[in-house]
Amino acid sequence: MSFSGRQLLVFLFVYYVLIATSSATRGLKIKSSTTLIQNVCSKTQNLTLCNDILNSDTRSAHADLKGLVQILIDKTYARGNLALTVIASLYKNANNTETKDQLHLCDMSYKSAMNNLNKANVALKSGNRDINSYLMSVIDGAESCDDVYDGPPVIPPKLEQANKDFEDIAYIIFKISKLL
């Protein structure tokens, strides 16, 4: 099968149009994801953190709303595990019963929060509307750790920062999940 000059030209033109359209479509998709991230993050109390987290993850470029929530849940797992590591380290180095008791309560609160984060993740994947109640329980877990330190002694700075980092992202997910 041979092509005439004219058929070859038509074939090359169609091929060029398909390639150009494909590239343009990819560009638009990234732009629309950027717009989605901006719109979604504008509804949170921490616009900068939300934008930083989502824009630093390559999966965001092609994610829909559910995909963005998934990315945030993944990042929250990492922050929760960091908080648990900080708690374990502080517990190991604690030299009195009161401090160990406080850290034990924080550990239990975080384990509960992480369990609820797992439930929220399952709910997200299955389309279950209970995701919001699970996410509220995630936030409650971090706040319960804060509450352990209402009086002296004060919360250790490393734990305070890990707790704040976890709470901040959990609040972002909670706000965004209401849009699902």
N, C-alpha and C. Protein backbone atom coordinates (compact mmCIF):
# COMPACT_ATOMS: atom_id res chain seq x y z
N MET A 1 0.84 -1.17 0.00
CA MET A 1 0.00 0.00 0.00
C MET A 1 0.90 1.24 0.00
N SER A 2 0.76 2.04 -1.02
CA SER A 2 1.59 3.24 -1.11
C SER A 2 0.70 4.47 -1.05
N PHE A 3 1.26 5.54 -0.54
CA PHE A 3 0.54 6.79 -0.44
C PHE A 3 0.95 7.71 -1.58
N SER A 4 -0.05 8.44 -2.08
CA SER A 4 0.30 9.49 -3.04
C SER A 4 0.80 10.67 -2.23
N GLY A 5 1.36 11.64 -2.88
CA GLY A 5 1.87 12.83 -2.19
C GLY A 5 0.79 13.54 -1.40
N ARG A 6 -0.38 13.61 -2.00
CA ARG A 6 -1.49 14.30 -1.36
C ARG A 6 -1.99 13.52 -0.13
N GLN A 7 -2.11 12.21 -0.24
CA GLN A 7 -2.54 11.38 0.88
C GLN A 7 -1.55 11.47 2.03
N LEU A 8 -0.28 11.49 1.72
CA LEU A 8 0.75 11.59 2.73
C LEU A 8 0.65 12.93 3.45
N LEU A 9 0.40 13.99 2.69
CA LEU A 9 0.25 15.30 3.29
C LEU A 9 -0.96 15.35 4.21
N VAL A 10 -2.07 14.78 3.80
CA VAL A 10 -3.28 14.74 4.63
C VAL A 10 -3.01 13.93 5.90
N PHE A 11 -2.34 12.80 5.73
CA PHE A 11 -2.00 11.95 6.87
C PHE A 11 -1.13 12.72 7.87
N LEU A 12 -0.11 13.39 7.39
CA LEU A 12 0.78 14.16 8.27
C LEU A 12 0.05 15.30 8.95
N PHE A 13 -0.86 15.95 8.24
CA PHE A 13 -1.64 17.04 8.81
C PHE A 13 -2.53 16.52 9.95
N VAL A 14 -3.23 15.41 9.71
CA VAL A 14 -4.09 14.81 10.74
C VAL A 14 -3.25 14.40 11.94
N TYR A 15 -2.11 13.79 11.68
CA TYR A 15 -1.21 13.36 12.76
C TYR A 15 -0.78 14.57 13.59
N TYR A 16 -0.38 15.67 12.93
CA TYR A 16 0.04 16.89 13.61
C TYR A 16 -1.10 17.45 14.47
N VAL A 17 -2.30 17.49 13.93
CA VAL A 17 -3.45 18.01 14.68
C VAL A 17 -3.71 17.17 15.92
N LEU A 18 -3.62 15.85 15.77
CA LEU A 18 -3.84 14.97 16.92
C LEU A 18 -2.79 15.20 18.00
N ILE A 19 -1.55 15.31 17.62
CA ILE A 19 -0.47 15.54 18.58
C ILE A 19 -0.64 16.91 19.24
N ALA A 20 -0.90 17.92 18.47
CA ALA A 20 -1.06 19.27 19.01
C ALA A 20 -2.25 19.33 19.96
N THR A 21 -3.35 18.70 19.61
CA THR A 21 -4.54 18.68 20.45
C THR A 21 -4.26 17.95 21.75
N SER A 22 -3.55 16.85 21.66
CA SER A 22 -3.21 16.06 22.84
C SER A 22 -2.36 16.89 23.79
N SER A 23 -1.35 17.60 23.29
CA SER A 23 -0.49 18.43 24.14
C SER A 23 -1.28 19.57 24.74
N ALA A 24 -2.15 20.19 23.96
CA ALA A 24 -2.95 21.29 24.47
C ALA A 24 -3.89 20.81 25.55
N THR A 25 -4.45 19.63 25.38
CA THR A 25 -5.36 19.09 26.38
C THR A 25 -4.63 18.83 27.69
N ARG A 26 -3.42 18.29 27.61
CA ARG A 26 -2.65 18.05 28.83
C ARG A 26 -2.37 19.37 29.52
N GLY A 27 -2.01 20.39 28.80
CA GLY A 27 -1.75 21.70 29.38
C GLY A 27 -2.98 22.26 30.07
N LEU A 28 -4.14 22.09 29.45
CA LEU A 28 -5.37 22.58 30.06
C LEU A 28 -5.69 21.82 31.33
N LYS A 29 -5.44 20.54 31.33
CA LYS A 29 -5.74 19.74 32.50
C LYS A 29 -4.91 20.21 33.69
N ILE A 30 -3.64 20.47 33.47
CA ILE A 30 -2.78 20.95 34.55
C ILE A 30 -3.28 22.31 35.01
N LYS A 31 -3.64 23.16 34.08
CA LYS A 31 -4.14 24.48 34.45
C LYS A 31 -5.43 24.35 35.25
N SER A 32 -6.32 23.46 34.84
CA SER A 32 -7.57 23.33 35.58
C SER A 32 -7.31 22.74 36.96
N SER A 33 -6.30 21.84 37.12
CA SER A 33 -5.96 21.32 38.43
C SER A 33 -5.40 22.42 39.31
N THR A 34 -4.58 23.31 38.70
CA THR A 34 -4.05 24.44 39.47
C THR A 34 -5.19 25.32 39.94
N THR A 35 -6.14 25.55 39.07
CA THR A 35 -7.32 26.34 39.44
C THR A 35 -8.11 25.63 40.52
N LEU A 36 -8.27 24.32 40.41
CA LEU A 36 -8.98 23.54 41.43
C LEU A 36 -8.28 23.66 42.77
N ILE A 37 -6.96 23.53 42.77
CA ILE A 37 -6.20 23.65 44.03
C ILE A 37 -6.42 25.02 44.64
N GLN A 38 -6.33 26.05 43.83
CA GLN A 38 -6.54 27.42 44.34
C GLN A 38 -7.94 27.59 44.90
N ASN A 39 -8.94 27.09 44.18
CA ASN A 39 -10.33 27.21 44.65
C ASN A 39 -10.55 26.44 45.94
N VAL A 40 -10.04 25.24 45.99
CA VAL A 40 -10.23 24.38 47.17
C VAL A 40 -9.50 24.97 48.37
N CYS A 41 -8.25 25.35 48.17
CA CYS A 41 -7.46 25.88 49.28
C CYS A 41 -8.00 27.20 49.81
N SER A 42 -8.66 27.96 48.94
CA SER A 42 -9.22 29.24 49.39
C SER A 42 -10.35 29.03 50.40
N LYS A 43 -10.87 27.84 50.50
CA LYS A 43 -11.96 27.55 51.43
C LYS A 43 -11.44 27.05 52.79
N THR A 44 -10.13 26.96 52.92
CA THR A 44 -9.54 26.48 54.17
C THR A 44 -9.04 27.66 55.00
N GLN A 45 -8.73 27.38 56.26
CA GLN A 45 -8.22 28.42 57.14
C GLN A 45 -6.72 28.64 56.98
N ASN A 46 -6.05 27.76 56.22
CA ASN A 46 -4.61 27.88 56.02
C ASN A 46 -4.29 27.71 54.54
N LEU A 47 -4.59 28.75 53.80
CA LEU A 47 -4.43 28.76 52.34
C LEU A 47 -2.99 28.41 51.93
N THR A 48 -2.02 29.00 52.58
CA THR A 48 -0.62 28.79 52.20
C THR A 48 -0.20 27.34 52.41
N LEU A 49 -0.52 26.77 53.55
CA LEU A 49 -0.15 25.38 53.82
C LEU A 49 -0.84 24.44 52.84
N CYS A 50 -2.10 24.66 52.59
CA CYS A 50 -2.86 23.83 51.65
C CYS A 50 -2.21 23.88 50.27
N ASN A 51 -1.93 25.08 49.78
CA ASN A 51 -1.28 25.24 48.46
C ASN A 51 0.10 24.58 48.44
N ASP A 52 0.87 24.78 49.49
CA ASP A 52 2.22 24.21 49.54
C ASP A 52 2.18 22.69 49.48
N ILE A 53 1.29 22.09 50.25
CA ILE A 53 1.20 20.63 50.30
C ILE A 53 0.76 20.08 48.94
N LEU A 54 -0.31 20.63 48.41
CA LEU A 54 -0.86 20.09 47.17
C LEU A 54 0.04 20.37 45.96
N ASN A 55 0.63 21.54 45.92
CA ASN A 55 1.49 21.87 44.77
C ASN A 55 2.83 21.15 44.83
N SER A 56 3.21 20.63 45.99
CA SER A 56 4.48 19.90 46.09
C SER A 56 4.34 18.43 45.71
N ASP A 57 3.12 17.97 45.50
CA ASP A 57 2.89 16.57 45.16
C ASP A 57 2.54 16.46 43.68
N THR A 58 3.31 15.67 42.94
CA THR A 58 3.10 15.57 41.50
C THR A 58 1.74 14.99 41.13
N ARG A 59 1.14 14.24 42.03
CA ARG A 59 -0.18 13.66 41.74
C ARG A 59 -1.25 14.73 41.61
N SER A 60 -1.01 15.90 42.19
CA SER A 60 -2.00 16.99 42.16
C SER A 60 -2.29 17.50 40.75
N ALA A 61 -1.30 17.40 39.88
CA ALA A 61 -1.45 17.97 38.53
C ALA A 61 -2.64 17.38 37.78
N HIS A 62 -2.98 16.14 38.06
CA HIS A 62 -4.07 15.49 37.34
C HIS A 62 -5.19 15.01 38.27
N ALA A 63 -5.22 15.55 39.48
CA ALA A 63 -6.19 15.07 40.47
C ALA A 63 -7.49 15.86 40.40
N ASP A 64 -8.57 15.15 40.67
CA ASP A 64 -9.85 15.80 40.89
C ASP A 64 -9.96 16.07 42.39
N LEU A 65 -11.12 16.52 42.84
CA LEU A 65 -11.31 16.87 44.25
C LEU A 65 -11.03 15.67 45.16
N LYS A 66 -11.55 14.53 44.80
CA LYS A 66 -11.33 13.32 45.59
C LYS A 66 -9.84 12.98 45.63
N GLY A 67 -9.15 13.15 44.53
CA GLY A 67 -7.71 12.89 44.47
C GLY A 67 -6.92 13.84 45.37
N LEU A 68 -7.35 15.10 45.43
CA LEU A 68 -6.67 16.06 46.31
C LEU A 68 -6.86 15.68 47.78
N VAL A 69 -8.07 15.24 48.12
CA VAL A 69 -8.32 14.79 49.49
C VAL A 69 -7.44 13.58 49.80
N GLN A 70 -7.29 12.68 48.84
CA GLN A 70 -6.44 11.50 49.05
C GLN A 70 -5.00 11.90 49.32
N ILE A 71 -4.51 12.87 48.56
CA ILE A 71 -3.14 13.35 48.76
C ILE A 71 -2.99 13.91 50.17
N LEU A 72 -3.96 14.69 50.60
CA LEU A 72 -3.90 15.28 51.94
C LEU A 72 -3.97 14.20 53.03
N ILE A 73 -4.78 13.18 52.81
CA ILE A 73 -4.83 12.08 53.78
C ILE A 73 -3.47 11.39 53.85
N ASP A 74 -2.85 11.16 52.72
CA ASP A 74 -1.52 10.54 52.71
C ASP A 74 -0.51 11.38 53.49
N LYS A 75 -0.57 12.68 53.31
CA LYS A 75 0.35 13.58 54.03
C LYS A 75 0.04 13.58 55.53
N THR A 76 -1.23 13.42 55.88
CA THR A 76 -1.61 13.39 57.29
C THR A 76 -1.09 12.13 57.95
N TYR A 77 -1.12 11.01 57.23
CA TYR A 77 -0.52 9.77 57.77
C TYR A 77 0.93 10.03 58.17
N ALA A 78 1.66 10.67 57.28
CA ALA A 78 3.08 10.94 57.55
C ALA A 78 3.25 11.81 58.79
N ARG A 79 2.42 12.82 58.92
CA ARG A 79 2.52 13.72 60.08
C ARG A 79 2.08 13.03 61.37
N GLY A 80 1.09 12.17 61.28
CA GLY A 80 0.66 11.41 62.45
C GLY A 80 1.73 10.44 62.92
N ASN A 81 2.37 9.79 61.95
CA ASN A 81 3.45 8.87 62.30
C ASN A 81 4.63 9.61 62.92
N LEU A 82 4.90 10.81 62.44
CA LEU A 82 5.96 11.63 63.03
C LEU A 82 5.60 11.98 64.49
N ALA A 83 4.36 12.37 64.73
CA ALA A 83 3.93 12.69 66.09
C ALA A 83 4.08 11.47 67.00
N LEU A 84 3.70 10.30 66.51
CA LEU A 84 3.85 9.08 67.31
C LEU A 84 5.33 8.79 67.61
N THR A 85 6.20 9.06 66.66
CA THR A 85 7.64 8.87 66.87
C THR A 85 8.16 9.83 67.94
N VAL A 86 7.71 11.08 67.88
CA VAL A 86 8.11 12.08 68.88
C VAL A 86 7.62 11.64 70.26
N ILE A 87 6.39 11.19 70.35
CA ILE A 87 5.83 10.74 71.63
C ILE A 87 6.66 9.58 72.18
N ALA A 88 6.96 8.61 71.34
CA ALA A 88 7.74 7.44 71.78
C ALA A 88 9.12 7.86 72.27
N SER A 89 9.75 8.77 71.57
CA SER A 89 11.08 9.25 71.96
C SER A 89 11.02 9.98 73.30
N LEU A 90 10.04 10.85 73.47
CA LEU A 90 9.89 11.58 74.73
C LEU A 90 9.58 10.62 75.88
N TYR A 91 8.76 9.63 75.61
CA TYR A 91 8.40 8.65 76.64
C TYR A 91 9.64 7.88 77.09
N LYS A 92 10.45 7.49 76.13
CA LYS A 92 11.66 6.72 76.43
C LYS A 92 12.61 7.53 77.33
N ASN A 93 12.65 8.83 77.12
CA ASN A 93 13.56 9.69 77.88
C ASN A 93 12.93 10.35 79.10
N ALA A 94 11.64 10.09 79.33
CA ALA A 94 10.96 10.70 80.48
C ALA A 94 11.50 10.11 81.78
N ASN A 95 11.60 10.96 82.79
CA ASN A 95 12.17 10.50 84.04
C ASN A 95 11.20 10.53 85.22
N ASN A 96 9.93 10.80 84.95
CA ASN A 96 8.97 10.74 86.05
C ASN A 96 7.63 10.18 85.57
N THR A 97 6.87 9.70 86.52
CA THR A 97 5.61 9.02 86.22
C THR A 97 4.58 9.96 85.59
N GLU A 98 4.50 11.18 86.07
CA GLU A 98 3.51 12.13 85.55
C GLU A 98 3.74 12.39 84.05
N THR A 99 4.98 12.62 83.68
CA THR A 99 5.32 12.86 82.28
C THR A 99 4.99 11.62 81.43
N LYS A 100 5.36 10.46 81.94
CA LYS A 100 5.07 9.22 81.21
C LYS A 100 3.56 9.03 81.05
N ASP A 101 2.80 9.34 82.09
CA ASP A 101 1.33 9.22 82.00
C ASP A 101 0.77 10.15 80.94
N GLN A 102 1.26 11.38 80.90
CA GLN A 102 0.79 12.35 79.90
C GLN A 102 1.12 11.87 78.49
N LEU A 103 2.33 11.40 78.31
CA LEU A 103 2.74 10.93 76.99
C LEU A 103 1.97 9.68 76.59
N HIS A 104 1.67 8.83 77.57
CA HIS A 104 0.86 7.64 77.28
C HIS A 104 -0.53 8.04 76.78
N LEU A 105 -1.12 9.06 77.42
CA LEU A 105 -2.44 9.54 76.98
C LEU A 105 -2.37 10.13 75.57
N CYS A 106 -1.29 10.86 75.29
CA CYS A 106 -1.11 11.40 73.92
C CYS A 106 -0.95 10.27 72.92
N ASP A 107 -0.20 9.26 73.29
CA ASP A 107 0.00 8.11 72.41
C ASP A 107 -1.35 7.46 72.09
N MET A 108 -2.17 7.26 73.10
CA MET A 108 -3.49 6.66 72.89
C MET A 108 -4.35 7.56 72.00
N SER A 109 -4.29 8.87 72.22
CA SER A 109 -5.07 9.81 71.41
C SER A 109 -4.64 9.75 69.95
N TYR A 110 -3.34 9.68 69.71
CA TYR A 110 -2.85 9.63 68.33
C TYR A 110 -3.16 8.31 67.66
N LYS A 111 -3.08 7.24 68.40
CA LYS A 111 -3.43 5.95 67.81
C LYS A 111 -4.91 5.93 67.42
N SER A 112 -5.74 6.53 68.24
CA SER A 112 -7.16 6.64 67.91
C SER A 112 -7.35 7.54 66.68
N ALA A 113 -6.62 8.65 66.64
CA ALA A 113 -6.70 9.56 65.49
C ALA A 113 -6.27 8.85 64.20
N MET A 114 -5.22 8.08 64.28
CA MET A 114 -4.73 7.36 63.10
C MET A 114 -5.72 6.27 62.67
N ASN A 115 -6.36 5.64 63.63
CA ASN A 115 -7.40 4.66 63.31
C ASN A 115 -8.56 5.34 62.59
N ASN A 116 -8.95 6.51 63.07
CA ASN A 116 -10.02 7.25 62.40
C ASN A 116 -9.59 7.77 61.04
N LEU A 117 -8.31 8.08 60.90
CA LEU A 117 -7.80 8.48 59.59
C LEU A 117 -7.90 7.32 58.60
N ASN A 118 -7.61 6.11 59.08
CA ASN A 118 -7.79 4.91 58.24
C ASN A 118 -9.25 4.77 57.81
N LYS A 119 -10.16 4.99 58.75
CA LYS A 119 -11.60 4.89 58.42
C LYS A 119 -12.01 5.97 57.43
N ALA A 120 -11.45 7.17 57.59
CA ALA A 120 -11.76 8.26 56.64
C ALA A 120 -11.24 7.90 55.25
N ASN A 121 -10.08 7.29 55.19
CA ASN A 121 -9.50 6.89 53.91
C ASN A 121 -10.38 5.85 53.22
N VAL A 122 -10.86 4.87 53.98
CA VAL A 122 -11.76 3.85 53.43
C VAL A 122 -13.06 4.51 52.97
N ALA A 123 -13.57 5.43 53.77
CA ALA A 123 -14.81 6.13 53.41
C ALA A 123 -14.62 6.94 52.13
N LEU A 124 -13.48 7.59 51.99
CA LEU A 124 -13.20 8.36 50.78
C LEU A 124 -13.22 7.45 49.56
N LYS A 125 -12.54 6.33 49.67
CA LYS A 125 -12.43 5.42 48.52
C LYS A 125 -13.77 4.79 48.15
N SER A 126 -14.64 4.61 49.14
CA SER A 126 -15.93 3.97 48.86
C SER A 126 -17.05 4.98 48.61
N GLY A 127 -16.74 6.26 48.76
CA GLY A 127 -17.76 7.29 48.55
C GLY A 127 -18.70 7.44 49.73
N ASN A 128 -18.32 6.92 50.88
CA ASN A 128 -19.14 6.98 52.09
C ASN A 128 -19.12 8.40 52.66
N ARG A 129 -20.27 8.94 52.96
CA ARG A 129 -20.39 10.31 53.48
C ARG A 129 -19.92 10.44 54.93
N ASP A 130 -19.64 9.33 55.60
CA ASP A 130 -19.16 9.37 56.99
C ASP A 130 -17.75 9.90 57.09
N ILE A 131 -17.13 10.21 55.98
CA ILE A 131 -15.76 10.70 56.00
C ILE A 131 -15.62 11.90 56.93
N ASN A 132 -16.60 12.80 56.94
CA ASN A 132 -16.50 14.00 57.77
C ASN A 132 -16.49 13.69 59.26
N SER A 133 -17.29 12.72 59.68
CA SER A 133 -17.29 12.37 61.11
C SER A 133 -15.97 11.71 61.50
N TYR A 134 -15.41 10.90 60.62
CA TYR A 134 -14.10 10.30 60.90
C TYR A 134 -13.02 11.37 60.98
N LEU A 135 -13.08 12.34 60.08
CA LEU A 135 -12.08 13.40 60.08
C LEU A 135 -12.20 14.28 61.32
N MET A 136 -13.42 14.50 61.79
CA MET A 136 -13.60 15.25 63.03
C MET A 136 -12.96 14.49 64.20
N SER A 137 -13.07 13.17 64.18
CA SER A 137 -12.45 12.35 65.22
C SER A 137 -10.92 12.39 65.13
N VAL A 138 -10.41 12.54 63.93
CA VAL A 138 -8.95 12.68 63.75
C VAL A 138 -8.50 13.97 64.46
N ILE A 139 -9.21 15.05 64.21
CA ILE A 139 -8.90 16.34 64.84
C ILE A 139 -9.02 16.23 66.36
N ASP A 140 -10.08 15.59 66.82
CA ASP A 140 -10.29 15.41 68.27
C ASP A 140 -9.12 14.68 68.91
N GLY A 141 -8.55 13.71 68.21
CA GLY A 141 -7.41 12.97 68.74
C GLY A 141 -6.22 13.87 69.02
N ALA A 142 -5.92 14.73 68.07
CA ALA A 142 -4.80 15.67 68.25
C ALA A 142 -5.11 16.67 69.36
N GLU A 143 -6.35 17.15 69.39
CA GLU A 143 -6.73 18.11 70.42
C GLU A 143 -6.72 17.47 71.81
N SER A 144 -7.02 16.18 71.88
CA SER A 144 -6.97 15.48 73.17
C SER A 144 -5.55 15.45 73.71
N CYS A 145 -4.58 15.30 72.83
CA CYS A 145 -3.18 15.34 73.27
C CYS A 145 -2.86 16.72 73.82
N ASP A 146 -3.31 17.77 73.15
CA ASP A 146 -3.12 19.14 73.66
C ASP A 146 -3.72 19.29 75.05
N ASP A 147 -4.93 18.75 75.22
CA ASP A 147 -5.66 18.89 76.48
C ASP A 147 -4.95 18.24 77.66
N VAL A 148 -4.16 17.22 77.39
CA VAL A 148 -3.40 16.54 78.45
C VAL A 148 -2.46 17.53 79.14
N TYR A 149 -2.04 18.54 78.39
CA TYR A 149 -1.07 19.51 78.91
C TYR A 149 -1.72 20.84 79.27
N ASP A 150 -2.94 20.83 79.77
CA ASP A 150 -3.60 22.07 80.17
C ASP A 150 -2.89 22.76 81.34
N GLY A 151 -2.33 21.97 82.23
CA GLY A 151 -1.62 22.54 83.38
C GLY A 151 -0.16 22.16 83.31
N PRO A 152 0.59 22.54 84.35
CA PRO A 152 1.99 22.15 84.36
C PRO A 152 2.13 20.64 84.44
N PRO A 153 3.12 20.05 83.87
CA PRO A 153 4.13 20.67 83.01
C PRO A 153 3.57 21.00 81.64
N VAL A 154 4.24 21.90 80.95
CA VAL A 154 3.80 22.31 79.62
C VAL A 154 4.17 21.24 78.60
N ILE A 155 3.49 21.29 77.48
CA ILE A 155 3.75 20.33 76.41
C ILE A 155 5.18 20.53 75.88
N PRO A 156 5.93 19.46 75.71
CA PRO A 156 7.29 19.59 75.17
C PRO A 156 7.24 20.22 73.77
N PRO A 157 8.17 21.13 73.47
CA PRO A 157 8.15 21.85 72.19
C PRO A 157 8.10 20.95 70.96
N LYS A 158 8.85 19.85 70.95
CA LYS A 158 8.83 18.95 69.80
C LYS A 158 7.44 18.36 69.59
N LEU A 159 6.80 17.98 70.67
CA LEU A 159 5.45 17.42 70.58
C LEU A 159 4.44 18.50 70.20
N GLU A 160 4.63 19.68 70.74
CA GLU A 160 3.72 20.79 70.40
C GLU A 160 3.76 21.07 68.89
N GLN A 161 4.96 21.07 68.31
CA GLN A 161 5.10 21.34 66.87
C GLN A 161 4.52 20.19 66.04
N ALA A 162 4.82 18.95 66.43
CA ALA A 162 4.29 17.79 65.69
C ALA A 162 2.77 17.77 65.77
N ASN A 163 2.24 18.11 66.92
CA ASN A 163 0.80 18.14 67.12
C ASN A 163 0.16 19.24 66.26
N LYS A 164 0.77 20.41 66.24
CA LYS A 164 0.26 21.53 65.44
C LYS A 164 0.27 21.17 63.95
N ASP A 165 1.38 20.57 63.49
CA ASP A 165 1.48 20.18 62.08
C ASP A 165 0.39 19.19 61.69
N PHE A 166 0.12 18.24 62.57
CA PHE A 166 -0.91 17.24 62.32
C PHE A 166 -2.30 17.89 62.31
N GLU A 167 -2.58 18.71 63.32
CA GLU A 167 -3.89 19.38 63.40
C GLU A 167 -4.14 20.28 62.20
N ASP A 168 -3.13 21.03 61.79
CA ASP A 168 -3.30 21.97 60.67
C ASP A 168 -3.76 21.25 59.40
N ILE A 169 -3.13 20.15 59.09
CA ILE A 169 -3.50 19.44 57.86
C ILE A 169 -4.83 18.72 58.03
N ALA A 170 -5.11 18.23 59.23
CA ALA A 170 -6.39 17.56 59.48
C ALA A 170 -7.56 18.55 59.30
N TYR A 171 -7.38 19.77 59.75
CA TYR A 171 -8.42 20.80 59.55
C TYR A 171 -8.62 21.09 58.06
N ILE A 172 -7.53 21.12 57.31
CA ILE A 172 -7.63 21.37 55.87
C ILE A 172 -8.44 20.26 55.20
N ILE A 173 -8.13 19.03 55.53
CA ILE A 173 -8.87 17.90 54.93
C ILE A 173 -10.34 17.98 55.31
N PHE A 174 -10.61 18.28 56.57
CA PHE A 174 -11.99 18.35 57.03
C PHE A 174 -12.77 19.39 56.22
N LYS A 175 -12.19 20.56 56.02
CA LYS A 175 -12.87 21.61 55.24
C LYS A 175 -13.11 21.18 53.80
N ILE A 176 -12.08 20.60 53.18
CA ILE A 176 -12.17 20.22 51.77
C ILE A 176 -13.12 19.04 51.59
N SER A 177 -13.14 18.13 52.54
CA SER A 177 -14.00 16.94 52.38
C SER A 177 -15.47 17.33 52.38
N LYS A 178 -15.81 18.48 52.93
CA LYS A 178 -17.20 18.94 52.90
C LYS A 178 -17.64 19.29 51.48
N LEU A 179 -16.68 19.48 50.58
CA LEU A 179 -16.99 19.81 49.19
C LEU A 179 -17.29 18.57 48.35
N LEU A 180 -16.96 17.39 48.89
CA LEU A 180 -17.17 16.14 48.13
C LEU A 180 -18.64 15.87 47.90
